[in-house]
């Protein structure tokens, strides 16, 4: 990940530590991936496969099923998929 890469570049982590961590990723151990995306008060723009989606609540669908949705709730944008 970019965070770990930066820590190796700054010599805070060894390459060996990252290689060992990749053998058993924390996300697989926990069963999910979590991260915080900090958006401005504007609707997020999604760039996918060379296409740009702006102000789109369902930017990606497959066989009429939404794969990615964007909703606004309590002045916060929620992305799910």
Protein backbone atom coordinates (compact mmCIF):
# COMPACT_ATOMS: atom_id res chain seq x y z
CA UNK A 1 0.00 0.00 0.00
CA UNK A 2 1.15 3.60 -0.43
CA UNK A 3 1.46 4.10 3.33
CA UNK A 4 3.78 1.14 3.78
CA UNK A 5 5.74 2.09 0.65
CA UNK A 6 6.34 5.56 2.09
CA UNK A 7 7.50 4.06 5.39
CA UNK A 8 9.99 1.82 3.59
CA UNK A 9 11.23 4.78 1.53
CA UNK A 10 11.71 6.80 4.73
CA UNK A 11 13.44 3.75 6.29
CA UNK A 12 10.86 3.46 9.06
CA UNK A 13 9.95 -0.09 7.94
CA UNK A 14 12.25 -2.69 6.44
CA UNK A 15 11.41 -4.36 3.14
CA UNK A 16 11.51 -7.67 4.98
CA UNK A 17 8.77 -6.48 7.36
CA UNK A 18 6.51 -5.62 4.42
CA UNK A 19 7.19 -8.93 2.66
CA UNK A 20 6.33 -10.82 5.86
CA UNK A 21 3.14 -8.75 6.36
CA UNK A 22 2.07 -9.52 2.78
CA UNK A 23 2.07 -13.25 3.63
CA UNK A 24 -0.88 -12.68 5.97
CA UNK A 25 -2.62 -9.36 5.16
CA UNK A 26 -4.52 -7.74 8.03
CA UNK A 27 -7.58 -7.24 5.82
CA UNK A 28 -7.84 -10.99 5.22
CA UNK A 29 -7.39 -11.70 8.93
CA UNK A 30 -10.14 -9.23 9.87
CA UNK A 31 -12.38 -10.30 7.02
CA UNK A 32 -12.83 -6.79 5.64
CA UNK A 33 -11.03 -3.77 4.34
CA UNK A 34 -11.61 -0.42 6.02
CA UNK A 35 -10.34 3.00 5.16
CA UNK A 36 -11.59 6.52 5.54
CA UNK A 37 -12.20 8.60 2.44
CA UNK A 38 -12.45 12.27 3.24
CA UNK A 39 -14.61 14.09 0.69
CA UNK A 40 -15.30 17.76 0.45
CA UNK A 41 -18.90 18.94 0.55
CA UNK A 42 -19.10 18.24 -3.21
CA UNK A 43 -20.37 14.97 -4.66
CA UNK A 44 -17.38 12.66 -5.29
CA UNK A 45 -16.13 12.20 -8.82
CA UNK A 46 -15.45 8.58 -9.83
CA UNK A 47 -12.90 7.75 -12.54
CA UNK A 48 -13.21 4.15 -13.73
CA UNK A 49 -11.88 2.54 -16.89
CA UNK A 50 -11.26 5.87 -18.59
CA UNK A 51 -14.77 7.15 -17.85
CA UNK A 52 -15.46 10.00 -15.42
CA UNK A 53 -18.68 10.05 -13.41
CA UNK A 54 -19.77 13.29 -11.74
CA UNK A 55 -22.91 13.71 -9.60
CA UNK A 56 -23.86 10.11 -10.38
CA UNK A 57 -25.52 8.00 -7.67
CA UNK A 58 -24.89 4.66 -9.46
CA UNK A 59 -21.67 5.01 -11.46
CA UNK A 60 -21.14 1.28 -12.03
CA UNK A 61 -23.79 -1.35 -12.84
CA UNK A 62 -23.66 -4.89 -14.19
CA UNK A 63 -26.76 -6.63 -15.54
CA UNK A 64 -29.00 -3.98 -13.93
CA UNK A 65 -27.38 -4.53 -10.51
CA UNK A 66 -25.57 -1.57 -8.90
CA UNK A 67 -21.94 -2.46 -8.14
CA UNK A 68 -21.09 0.96 -6.75
CA UNK A 69 -23.50 3.50 -5.26
CA UNK A 70 -23.07 6.96 -3.79
CA UNK A 71 -25.61 8.41 -1.37
CA UNK A 72 -25.67 11.55 0.74
CA UNK A 73 -26.75 11.18 4.35
CA UNK A 74 -26.40 13.80 7.10
CA UNK A 75 -24.19 15.97 4.85
CA UNK A 76 -21.79 13.04 4.30
CA UNK A 77 -21.32 10.99 1.16
CA UNK A 78 -21.53 7.22 1.56
CA UNK A 79 -19.95 4.93 -1.03
CA UNK A 80 -20.90 1.28 -1.06
CA UNK A 81 -20.42 -1.61 -3.40
